[in-house]
């Protein structure tokens, strides 16, 4: 199995039908990745993809680390901590919950001072829509991309990577944003 997952922009789509209830575990986006998207992968690749435990707050608007549960996913989107790394638990009432959602991926590990909220642009995480995204009506523009992590202070927002690669507090689940599919083999 690879040490870090493969990450690829695959589509722009909404996350769920209007609520964060059920979190990643019950989301329409998770079902789409595990079924429709997976069916579009090369047949020779599919047997090599392995299921992994992904930890997420699947209760929605709740900030308790005990609300983080595991799902087994072959294809997923990254959580807040997998992208930005662990947060100082004293910095926010939600950081302990975020920290329980995994560990930072090696390939996006950068100096911590570049990852504070509202800092200048971080080129590592700026994603540009390209012709490879199915709905390319906004090709060439910067895009937000979904994370597995819900914003626990709302009932309808999941966290996103911001336009400048910074961390965004979240976007309404009915908006279409970029999906970065991750998988290990």
N, C-alpha and C. Protein backbone atom coordinates (compact mmCIF):
# COMPACT_ATOMS: atom_id res chain seq x y z
N UNK A 1 0.85 -1.17 0.00
CA UNK A 1 0.00 0.00 0.00
C UNK A 1 0.89 1.24 0.00
N UNK A 2 0.50 2.29 -0.71
CA UNK A 2 1.27 3.52 -0.74
C UNK A 2 1.23 4.19 0.62
N UNK A 3 2.30 4.98 0.94
CA UNK A 3 2.35 5.70 2.22
C UNK A 3 1.34 6.83 2.26
N UNK A 4 1.13 7.50 1.14
CA UNK A 4 0.21 8.61 1.06
C UNK A 4 -0.80 8.30 -0.04
N UNK A 5 -2.01 8.78 0.12
CA UNK A 5 -3.01 8.49 -0.90
C UNK A 5 -2.76 9.26 -2.18
N UNK A 6 -3.32 8.75 -3.26
CA UNK A 6 -3.35 9.46 -4.52
C UNK A 6 -4.50 10.45 -4.43
N UNK A 7 -4.26 11.73 -4.78
CA UNK A 7 -5.30 12.77 -4.75
C UNK A 7 -5.51 13.27 -6.17
N UNK A 8 -6.76 13.34 -6.62
CA UNK A 8 -7.04 13.79 -7.97
C UNK A 8 -8.38 14.52 -8.03
N UNK A 9 -8.38 15.71 -8.68
CA UNK A 9 -9.64 16.43 -8.88
C UNK A 9 -10.46 15.66 -9.90
N UNK A 10 -11.70 15.32 -9.54
CA UNK A 10 -12.48 14.47 -10.41
C UNK A 10 -13.80 15.07 -10.87
N UNK A 11 -14.33 16.03 -10.16
CA UNK A 11 -15.66 16.52 -10.51
C UNK A 11 -15.99 17.72 -9.65
N UNK A 12 -17.05 18.42 -10.02
CA UNK A 12 -17.65 19.42 -9.15
C UNK A 12 -19.06 18.95 -8.87
N UNK A 13 -19.38 18.87 -7.60
CA UNK A 13 -20.72 18.40 -7.23
C UNK A 13 -21.07 18.83 -5.82
N UNK A 14 -22.35 18.68 -5.46
CA UNK A 14 -22.77 19.01 -4.11
C UNK A 14 -22.38 17.87 -3.17
N UNK A 15 -22.45 18.12 -1.88
CA UNK A 15 -22.03 17.16 -0.87
C UNK A 15 -23.17 16.28 -0.41
N UNK A 16 -24.30 16.92 -0.14
CA UNK A 16 -25.42 16.19 0.43
C UNK A 16 -26.69 16.99 0.21
N UNK A 17 -27.81 16.41 0.47
CA UNK A 17 -29.09 17.05 0.20
C UNK A 17 -29.56 18.04 1.23
N UNK A 18 -28.70 18.94 1.70
CA UNK A 18 -29.15 20.03 2.55
C UNK A 18 -28.82 19.93 4.02
N UNK A 19 -28.13 18.89 4.47
CA UNK A 19 -27.84 18.75 5.90
C UNK A 19 -26.50 18.05 6.11
N UNK A 20 -25.86 18.30 7.26
CA UNK A 20 -24.66 17.55 7.61
C UNK A 20 -24.99 16.37 8.51
N UNK A 21 -26.28 16.19 8.82
CA UNK A 21 -26.69 15.05 9.65
C UNK A 21 -26.20 13.75 9.01
N UNK A 22 -25.61 12.88 9.80
CA UNK A 22 -25.07 11.63 9.28
C UNK A 22 -23.65 11.77 8.78
N UNK A 23 -23.18 13.03 8.67
CA UNK A 23 -21.81 13.29 8.29
C UNK A 23 -21.38 12.64 7.00
N UNK A 24 -20.09 12.40 6.90
CA UNK A 24 -19.50 11.73 5.74
C UNK A 24 -20.11 10.35 5.54
N UNK A 25 -20.35 9.64 6.64
CA UNK A 25 -20.82 8.25 6.57
C UNK A 25 -22.09 8.11 5.74
N UNK A 26 -23.03 9.03 5.87
CA UNK A 26 -24.31 8.92 5.17
C UNK A 26 -24.44 9.90 4.01
N UNK A 27 -23.35 10.53 3.61
CA UNK A 27 -23.42 11.56 2.58
C UNK A 27 -23.61 10.99 1.17
N UNK A 28 -24.28 11.76 0.36
CA UNK A 28 -24.46 11.41 -1.05
C UNK A 28 -23.11 11.39 -1.77
N UNK A 29 -22.20 12.28 -1.37
CA UNK A 29 -20.88 12.35 -1.99
C UNK A 29 -20.10 11.05 -1.75
N UNK A 30 -20.14 10.53 -0.55
CA UNK A 30 -19.46 9.26 -0.25
C UNK A 30 -20.04 8.13 -1.09
N UNK A 31 -21.36 8.08 -1.20
CA UNK A 31 -22.00 7.03 -2.00
C UNK A 31 -21.60 7.16 -3.47
N UNK A 32 -21.55 8.39 -3.98
CA UNK A 32 -21.17 8.62 -5.38
C UNK A 32 -19.74 8.17 -5.63
N UNK A 33 -18.81 8.53 -4.73
CA UNK A 33 -17.42 8.12 -4.91
C UNK A 33 -17.27 6.60 -4.88
N UNK A 34 -17.96 5.94 -3.96
CA UNK A 34 -17.83 4.49 -3.81
C UNK A 34 -18.53 3.69 -4.89
N UNK A 35 -19.44 4.32 -5.62
CA UNK A 35 -20.20 3.60 -6.65
C UNK A 35 -19.95 4.16 -8.05
N UNK A 36 -20.57 5.28 -8.36
CA UNK A 36 -20.49 5.84 -9.72
C UNK A 36 -19.07 6.21 -10.12
N UNK A 37 -18.36 6.91 -9.25
CA UNK A 37 -16.99 7.30 -9.60
C UNK A 37 -16.09 6.07 -9.74
N UNK A 38 -16.18 5.15 -8.78
CA UNK A 38 -15.35 3.95 -8.82
C UNK A 38 -15.58 3.16 -10.10
N UNK A 39 -16.82 3.13 -10.56
CA UNK A 39 -17.14 2.39 -11.80
C UNK A 39 -16.48 3.01 -13.02
N UNK A 40 -16.06 4.28 -12.93
CA UNK A 40 -15.42 4.95 -14.07
C UNK A 40 -13.90 4.74 -14.09
N UNK A 41 -13.34 4.16 -13.03
CA UNK A 41 -11.90 3.92 -12.98
C UNK A 41 -11.51 2.79 -13.92
N UNK A 42 -10.25 2.77 -14.36
CA UNK A 42 -9.80 1.66 -15.20
C UNK A 42 -9.99 0.32 -14.49
N UNK A 43 -10.49 -0.64 -15.21
CA UNK A 43 -10.79 -1.97 -14.64
C UNK A 43 -9.54 -2.59 -14.01
N UNK A 44 -8.37 -2.35 -14.60
CA UNK A 44 -7.13 -2.92 -14.07
C UNK A 44 -6.69 -2.27 -12.76
N UNK A 45 -7.18 -1.07 -12.45
CA UNK A 45 -6.80 -0.37 -11.23
C UNK A 45 -7.64 -0.81 -10.03
N UNK A 46 -8.90 -1.09 -10.25
CA UNK A 46 -9.85 -1.34 -9.16
C UNK A 46 -9.38 -2.45 -8.19
N UNK A 47 -8.86 -3.59 -8.66
CA UNK A 47 -8.44 -4.62 -7.69
C UNK A 47 -7.29 -4.19 -6.78
N UNK A 48 -6.54 -3.18 -7.17
CA UNK A 48 -5.40 -2.72 -6.39
C UNK A 48 -5.77 -1.71 -5.31
N UNK A 49 -6.96 -1.15 -5.37
CA UNK A 49 -7.39 -0.15 -4.40
C UNK A 49 -7.85 -0.86 -3.12
N UNK A 50 -7.35 -0.40 -1.99
CA UNK A 50 -7.65 -1.02 -0.70
C UNK A 50 -8.53 -0.13 0.15
N UNK A 51 -9.43 -0.74 0.91
CA UNK A 51 -10.23 0.00 1.88
C UNK A 51 -9.38 0.38 3.09
N UNK A 52 -9.61 1.58 3.60
CA UNK A 52 -8.90 2.05 4.78
C UNK A 52 -9.90 2.66 5.76
N UNK A 53 -9.55 2.68 7.03
CA UNK A 53 -10.39 3.33 8.03
C UNK A 53 -10.23 4.84 7.92
N UNK A 54 -11.34 5.54 7.77
CA UNK A 54 -11.35 7.01 7.74
C UNK A 54 -12.19 7.47 8.91
N UNK A 55 -11.61 8.32 9.74
CA UNK A 55 -12.28 8.80 10.95
C UNK A 55 -12.88 10.18 10.70
N UNK A 56 -14.15 10.34 11.08
CA UNK A 56 -14.87 11.57 10.80
C UNK A 56 -15.95 11.80 11.85
N UNK A 57 -16.25 13.06 12.12
CA UNK A 57 -17.41 13.41 12.94
C UNK A 57 -18.64 13.10 12.10
N UNK A 58 -19.28 11.99 12.35
CA UNK A 58 -20.44 11.57 11.56
C UNK A 58 -21.77 11.93 12.22
N UNK A 59 -21.71 12.70 13.29
CA UNK A 59 -22.96 13.14 13.93
C UNK A 59 -23.39 14.51 13.46
N UNK A 60 -22.47 15.26 12.83
CA UNK A 60 -22.85 16.58 12.32
C UNK A 60 -22.49 17.70 13.27
N UNK A 61 -23.50 18.49 13.65
CA UNK A 61 -23.22 19.68 14.46
C UNK A 61 -22.98 19.31 15.91
N UNK A 62 -21.81 18.76 16.18
CA UNK A 62 -21.42 18.35 17.51
C UNK A 62 -19.90 18.38 17.56
N UNK A 63 -19.32 18.93 18.59
CA UNK A 63 -17.87 19.14 18.64
C UNK A 63 -17.14 18.18 19.56
N UNK A 64 -17.70 17.04 19.87
CA UNK A 64 -17.06 16.11 20.79
C UNK A 64 -16.18 15.10 20.05
N UNK A 65 -14.94 14.88 20.50
CA UNK A 65 -14.09 13.87 19.87
C UNK A 65 -14.73 12.47 19.87
N UNK A 66 -15.58 12.18 20.85
CA UNK A 66 -16.24 10.88 20.91
C UNK A 66 -17.23 10.68 19.77
N UNK A 67 -17.60 11.75 19.07
CA UNK A 67 -18.51 11.65 17.93
C UNK A 67 -17.80 11.26 16.64
N UNK A 68 -16.48 11.16 16.68
CA UNK A 68 -15.71 10.73 15.53
C UNK A 68 -15.77 9.21 15.45
N UNK A 69 -16.25 8.70 14.33
CA UNK A 69 -16.36 7.26 14.12
C UNK A 69 -15.67 6.89 12.82
N UNK A 70 -15.39 5.60 12.65
CA UNK A 70 -14.68 5.12 11.47
C UNK A 70 -15.64 4.62 10.40
N UNK A 71 -15.27 4.87 9.18
CA UNK A 71 -15.89 4.22 8.02
C UNK A 71 -14.76 3.52 7.28
N UNK A 72 -15.08 2.49 6.54
CA UNK A 72 -14.08 1.84 5.69
C UNK A 72 -14.36 2.31 4.28
N UNK A 73 -13.40 3.01 3.70
CA UNK A 73 -13.58 3.59 2.37
C UNK A 73 -12.44 3.20 1.45
N UNK A 74 -12.78 2.88 0.22
CA UNK A 74 -11.77 2.67 -0.81
C UNK A 74 -11.44 4.00 -1.50
N UNK A 75 -12.42 4.89 -1.59
CA UNK A 75 -12.24 6.20 -2.19
C UNK A 75 -12.88 7.21 -1.25
N UNK A 76 -12.18 8.29 -0.95
CA UNK A 76 -12.67 9.27 0.02
C UNK A 76 -12.16 10.65 -0.34
N UNK A 77 -12.56 11.65 0.45
CA UNK A 77 -11.99 12.98 0.36
C UNK A 77 -11.28 13.25 1.69
N UNK A 78 -10.24 14.08 1.70
CA UNK A 78 -9.47 14.30 2.93
C UNK A 78 -10.25 15.02 4.01
N UNK A 79 -9.86 14.78 5.26
CA UNK A 79 -10.42 15.52 6.40
C UNK A 79 -9.57 16.77 6.64
N UNK A 80 -10.05 17.63 7.53
CA UNK A 80 -9.33 18.85 7.90
C UNK A 80 -7.91 18.53 8.36
N UNK A 81 -7.77 17.61 9.32
CA UNK A 81 -6.45 17.32 9.89
C UNK A 81 -5.54 16.60 8.89
N UNK A 82 -6.10 15.83 7.96
CA UNK A 82 -5.27 15.15 6.96
C UNK A 82 -4.61 16.16 6.02
N UNK A 83 -5.23 17.31 5.85
CA UNK A 83 -4.66 18.36 5.01
C UNK A 83 -3.81 19.32 5.84
N UNK A 84 -4.36 19.85 6.92
CA UNK A 84 -3.71 20.92 7.66
C UNK A 84 -2.91 20.48 8.87
N UNK A 85 -3.00 19.21 9.25
CA UNK A 85 -2.27 18.74 10.41
C UNK A 85 -3.00 19.04 11.70
N UNK A 86 -2.48 18.53 12.82
CA UNK A 86 -3.15 18.72 14.11
C UNK A 86 -3.14 20.18 14.53
N UNK A 87 -4.16 20.55 15.26
CA UNK A 87 -4.31 21.91 15.79
C UNK A 87 -4.09 21.88 17.29
N UNK A 88 -3.66 22.99 17.84
CA UNK A 88 -3.51 23.14 19.28
C UNK A 88 -4.90 23.05 19.90
N UNK A 89 -5.11 22.06 20.74
CA UNK A 89 -6.44 21.80 21.31
C UNK A 89 -6.99 22.98 22.09
N UNK A 90 -6.14 23.90 22.51
CA UNK A 90 -6.61 25.07 23.25
C UNK A 90 -7.09 26.19 22.33
N UNK A 91 -6.83 26.07 21.02
CA UNK A 91 -7.14 27.15 20.09
C UNK A 91 -8.60 27.28 19.74
N UNK A 92 -9.38 26.24 19.82
CA UNK A 92 -10.79 26.27 19.46
C UNK A 92 -11.50 25.11 20.14
N UNK A 93 -12.75 25.30 20.42
CA UNK A 93 -13.53 24.21 21.02
C UNK A 93 -13.66 23.01 20.08
N UNK A 94 -13.39 23.21 18.78
CA UNK A 94 -13.56 22.14 17.80
C UNK A 94 -12.25 21.40 17.47
N UNK A 95 -11.11 21.93 17.87
CA UNK A 95 -9.84 21.35 17.43
C UNK A 95 -9.63 19.91 17.91
N UNK A 96 -10.07 19.56 19.11
CA UNK A 96 -9.92 18.17 19.56
C UNK A 96 -10.68 17.22 18.64
N UNK A 97 -11.87 17.64 18.20
CA UNK A 97 -12.64 16.82 17.29
C UNK A 97 -11.92 16.69 15.95
N UNK A 98 -11.42 17.81 15.41
CA UNK A 98 -10.69 17.76 14.14
C UNK A 98 -9.48 16.84 14.26
N UNK A 99 -8.73 16.97 15.37
CA UNK A 99 -7.53 16.16 15.56
C UNK A 99 -7.82 14.67 15.62
N UNK A 100 -9.02 14.28 16.00
CA UNK A 100 -9.40 12.87 16.09
C UNK A 100 -9.71 12.26 14.71
N UNK A 101 -9.71 13.09 13.67
CA UNK A 101 -10.08 12.62 12.34
C UNK A 101 -8.91 12.12 11.49
N UNK A 102 -7.80 11.79 12.10
CA UNK A 102 -6.70 11.20 11.34
C UNK A 102 -5.38 11.91 11.59
N UNK A 103 -4.44 11.72 10.66
CA UNK A 103 -3.14 12.36 10.72
C UNK A 103 -2.87 13.05 9.37
N UNK A 104 -1.98 14.01 9.40
CA UNK A 104 -1.70 14.79 8.20
C UNK A 104 -0.99 13.94 7.15
N UNK A 105 -1.41 14.09 5.89
CA UNK A 105 -0.75 13.40 4.79
C UNK A 105 0.63 13.98 4.57
N UNK A 106 1.57 13.13 4.36
CA UNK A 106 2.96 13.54 4.14
C UNK A 106 3.09 14.51 2.98
N UNK A 107 2.38 14.29 1.90
CA UNK A 107 2.54 15.10 0.69
C UNK A 107 2.01 16.52 0.81
N UNK A 108 1.23 16.84 1.84
CA UNK A 108 0.76 18.21 2.01
C UNK A 108 1.32 18.82 3.29
N UNK A 109 2.34 18.19 3.87
CA UNK A 109 2.94 18.68 5.11
C UNK A 109 3.86 19.86 4.80
N UNK A 110 3.48 21.04 5.26
CA UNK A 110 4.29 22.24 5.08
C UNK A 110 4.46 22.92 6.43
N UNK A 111 5.29 23.95 6.49
CA UNK A 111 5.53 24.66 7.75
C UNK A 111 4.23 25.15 8.35
N UNK A 112 4.07 24.96 9.65
CA UNK A 112 2.82 25.29 10.33
C UNK A 112 2.41 26.74 10.19
N UNK A 113 3.37 27.68 10.17
CA UNK A 113 2.98 29.08 10.11
C UNK A 113 2.27 29.43 8.81
N UNK A 114 2.37 28.61 7.79
CA UNK A 114 1.67 28.88 6.53
C UNK A 114 0.24 28.36 6.57
N UNK A 115 -0.15 27.72 7.65
CA UNK A 115 -1.46 27.08 7.70
C UNK A 115 -2.43 27.73 8.67
N UNK A 116 -2.13 28.91 9.11
CA UNK A 116 -3.06 29.57 10.01
C UNK A 116 -4.18 30.22 9.22
N UNK A 117 -5.33 30.30 9.81
CA UNK A 117 -6.53 30.81 9.13
C UNK A 117 -6.31 32.21 8.58
N UNK A 118 -6.75 32.43 7.35
CA UNK A 118 -6.69 33.72 6.67
C UNK A 118 -5.27 34.20 6.38
N UNK A 119 -4.31 33.29 6.32
CA UNK A 119 -2.96 33.67 5.94
C UNK A 119 -2.90 33.86 4.42
N UNK A 120 -1.83 34.45 3.93
CA UNK A 120 -1.70 34.63 2.48
C UNK A 120 -1.76 33.30 1.74
N UNK A 121 -1.91 33.41 0.47
CA UNK A 121 -2.09 32.25 -0.42
C UNK A 121 -1.05 31.16 -0.18
N UNK A 122 -1.49 29.93 -0.19
CA UNK A 122 -0.62 28.77 -0.07
C UNK A 122 -0.69 28.01 -1.38
N UNK A 123 0.32 28.14 -2.21
CA UNK A 123 0.31 27.56 -3.56
C UNK A 123 0.19 26.05 -3.56
N UNK A 124 0.61 25.38 -2.47
CA UNK A 124 0.54 23.92 -2.42
C UNK A 124 -0.90 23.44 -2.60
N UNK A 125 -1.86 24.18 -2.06
CA UNK A 125 -3.24 23.72 -2.06
C UNK A 125 -4.17 24.50 -2.98
N UNK A 126 -3.64 25.44 -3.75
CA UNK A 126 -4.50 26.16 -4.69
C UNK A 126 -4.83 25.22 -5.83
N UNK A 127 -6.10 25.04 -6.08
CA UNK A 127 -6.53 24.16 -7.16
C UNK A 127 -7.20 24.99 -8.24
N UNK A 128 -6.82 24.73 -9.45
CA UNK A 128 -7.37 25.43 -10.60
C UNK A 128 -8.25 24.43 -11.36
N UNK A 129 -9.48 24.82 -11.65
CA UNK A 129 -10.32 23.96 -12.46
C UNK A 129 -9.72 23.84 -13.84
N UNK A 130 -9.71 22.64 -14.38
CA UNK A 130 -9.11 22.42 -15.69
C UNK A 130 -10.08 21.67 -16.58
N UNK A 131 -9.64 21.41 -17.76
CA UNK A 131 -10.47 20.68 -18.72
C UNK A 131 -10.74 19.25 -18.26
N UNK A 132 -9.98 18.72 -17.30
CA UNK A 132 -10.17 17.34 -16.86
C UNK A 132 -11.36 17.18 -15.93
N UNK A 133 -11.87 18.27 -15.39
CA UNK A 133 -13.05 18.21 -14.53
C UNK A 133 -14.27 18.17 -15.43
N UNK A 134 -15.20 17.25 -15.15
CA UNK A 134 -16.36 17.06 -16.02
C UNK A 134 -17.10 18.35 -16.33
N UNK A 135 -17.47 19.09 -15.31
CA UNK A 135 -18.17 20.36 -15.50
C UNK A 135 -17.13 21.46 -15.53
N UNK A 136 -16.63 21.79 -16.72
CA UNK A 136 -15.54 22.74 -16.80
C UNK A 136 -15.99 24.12 -17.25
N UNK A 137 -17.23 24.49 -16.93
CA UNK A 137 -17.74 25.81 -17.31
C UNK A 137 -16.94 26.92 -16.64
N UNK A 138 -16.26 26.64 -15.54
CA UNK A 138 -15.44 27.63 -14.86
C UNK A 138 -13.95 27.30 -14.98
N UNK A 139 -13.56 26.59 -16.04
CA UNK A 139 -12.16 26.18 -16.22
C UNK A 139 -11.24 27.39 -16.11
N UNK A 140 -10.12 27.20 -15.44
CA UNK A 140 -9.14 28.26 -15.27
C UNK A 140 -9.34 29.08 -14.01
N UNK A 141 -10.44 28.91 -13.31
CA UNK A 141 -10.70 29.64 -12.07
C UNK A 141 -10.27 28.83 -10.86
N UNK A 142 -9.89 29.52 -9.80
CA UNK A 142 -9.59 28.84 -8.54
C UNK A 142 -10.88 28.25 -7.99
N UNK A 143 -10.73 27.19 -7.24
CA UNK A 143 -11.91 26.51 -6.74
C UNK A 143 -11.74 26.11 -5.28
N UNK A 144 -12.85 26.00 -4.58
CA UNK A 144 -12.86 25.37 -3.27
C UNK A 144 -12.87 23.87 -3.50
N UNK A 145 -12.38 23.09 -2.54
CA UNK A 145 -12.57 21.65 -2.63
C UNK A 145 -12.98 21.08 -1.29
N UNK A 146 -13.93 20.16 -1.37
CA UNK A 146 -14.56 19.59 -0.19
C UNK A 146 -13.59 18.84 0.71
N UNK A 147 -13.90 18.84 2.01
CA UNK A 147 -13.25 17.97 2.98
C UNK A 147 -14.33 17.08 3.61
N UNK A 148 -13.91 15.98 4.25
CA UNK A 148 -14.86 15.10 4.96
C UNK A 148 -15.42 15.75 6.20
N UNK A 149 -14.72 16.71 6.75
CA UNK A 149 -15.01 17.28 8.06
C UNK A 149 -16.19 18.27 8.01
N UNK A 150 -17.25 17.99 8.77
CA UNK A 150 -18.33 18.98 8.85
C UNK A 150 -17.91 20.15 9.73
N UNK A 151 -18.52 21.30 9.50
CA UNK A 151 -18.33 22.43 10.41
C UNK A 151 -19.29 22.18 11.57
N UNK A 152 -18.78 21.84 12.75
CA UNK A 152 -19.66 21.43 13.84
C UNK A 152 -20.49 22.55 14.45
N UNK A 153 -20.29 23.77 14.00
CA UNK A 153 -21.09 24.87 14.56
C UNK A 153 -22.31 25.19 13.68
N UNK A 154 -22.53 24.39 12.62
CA UNK A 154 -23.68 24.61 11.74
C UNK A 154 -24.40 23.30 11.48
N UNK A 155 -25.54 23.39 10.84
CA UNK A 155 -26.29 22.19 10.46
C UNK A 155 -26.16 21.85 8.98
N UNK A 156 -25.48 22.69 8.21
CA UNK A 156 -25.46 22.44 6.77
C UNK A 156 -24.16 22.81 6.07
N UNK A 157 -23.03 22.90 6.78
CA UNK A 157 -21.76 23.25 6.16
C UNK A 157 -20.72 22.15 6.40
N UNK A 158 -19.99 21.79 5.35
CA UNK A 158 -18.79 20.97 5.47
C UNK A 158 -17.60 21.87 5.19
N UNK A 159 -16.47 21.56 5.81
CA UNK A 159 -15.26 22.36 5.61
C UNK A 159 -14.74 22.19 4.20
N UNK A 160 -14.01 23.19 3.74
CA UNK A 160 -13.40 23.19 2.40
C UNK A 160 -11.99 23.74 2.48
N UNK A 161 -11.19 23.42 1.47
CA UNK A 161 -9.93 24.10 1.23
C UNK A 161 -10.31 25.38 0.50
N UNK A 162 -9.82 26.53 0.96
CA UNK A 162 -10.20 27.81 0.38
C UNK A 162 -9.54 28.07 -0.97
N UNK A 163 -9.97 29.14 -1.63
CA UNK A 163 -9.45 29.52 -2.95
C UNK A 163 -7.95 29.75 -2.94
N UNK A 164 -7.41 30.20 -1.84
CA UNK A 164 -5.97 30.48 -1.75
C UNK A 164 -5.20 29.36 -1.07
N UNK A 165 -5.82 28.19 -0.89
CA UNK A 165 -5.17 27.08 -0.21
C UNK A 165 -5.25 27.21 1.30
N UNK A 166 -5.96 28.21 1.77
CA UNK A 166 -6.16 28.42 3.20
C UNK A 166 -7.33 27.56 3.66
N UNK A 167 -7.60 27.54 4.95
CA UNK A 167 -8.74 26.75 5.39
C UNK A 167 -9.96 27.61 5.49
N UNK A 168 -11.00 27.08 4.89
CA UNK A 168 -12.29 27.75 4.80
C UNK A 168 -13.21 27.15 5.85
N UNK A 169 -14.03 27.97 6.49
CA UNK A 169 -14.92 27.47 7.55
C UNK A 169 -16.00 26.55 7.03
N UNK A 170 -16.24 26.56 5.75
CA UNK A 170 -17.20 25.62 5.19
C UNK A 170 -18.12 26.24 4.18
N UNK A 171 -18.78 25.37 3.49
CA UNK A 171 -19.69 25.74 2.42
C UNK A 171 -20.96 24.92 2.58
N UNK A 172 -22.09 25.51 2.23
CA UNK A 172 -23.37 24.83 2.29
C UNK A 172 -23.33 23.56 1.44
N UNK A 173 -23.84 22.48 1.98
CA UNK A 173 -23.75 21.16 1.34
C UNK A 173 -24.47 21.08 -0.01
N UNK A 174 -25.32 22.03 -0.33
CA UNK A 174 -26.03 21.98 -1.62
C UNK A 174 -25.25 22.67 -2.73
N UNK A 175 -24.15 23.38 -2.39
CA UNK A 175 -23.33 24.03 -3.42
C UNK A 175 -22.45 23.00 -4.11
N UNK A 176 -22.17 23.25 -5.37
CA UNK A 176 -21.25 22.37 -6.10
C UNK A 176 -19.84 22.91 -5.95
N UNK A 177 -18.96 22.08 -5.39
CA UNK A 177 -17.55 22.41 -5.25
C UNK A 177 -16.73 21.24 -5.77
N UNK A 178 -15.43 21.44 -5.90
CA UNK A 178 -14.56 20.41 -6.48
C UNK A 178 -14.38 19.23 -5.52
N UNK A 179 -14.35 18.06 -6.08
CA UNK A 179 -14.13 16.82 -5.33
C UNK A 179 -12.71 16.35 -5.64
N UNK A 180 -11.92 16.18 -4.61
CA UNK A 180 -10.57 15.62 -4.74
C UNK A 180 -10.65 14.20 -4.20
N UNK A 181 -10.67 13.23 -5.10
CA UNK A 181 -10.79 11.84 -4.70
C UNK A 181 -9.42 11.33 -4.22
N UNK A 182 -9.44 10.56 -3.14
CA UNK A 182 -8.22 9.97 -2.59
C UNK A 182 -8.41 8.46 -2.51
N UNK A 183 -7.33 7.73 -2.76
CA UNK A 183 -7.37 6.28 -2.59
C UNK A 183 -5.96 5.76 -2.40
N UNK A 184 -5.82 4.59 -1.82
CA UNK A 184 -4.52 3.94 -1.61
C UNK A 184 -4.50 2.62 -2.36
N UNK A 185 -3.32 2.27 -2.80
CA UNK A 185 -3.16 0.94 -3.43
C UNK A 185 -1.84 0.34 -3.03
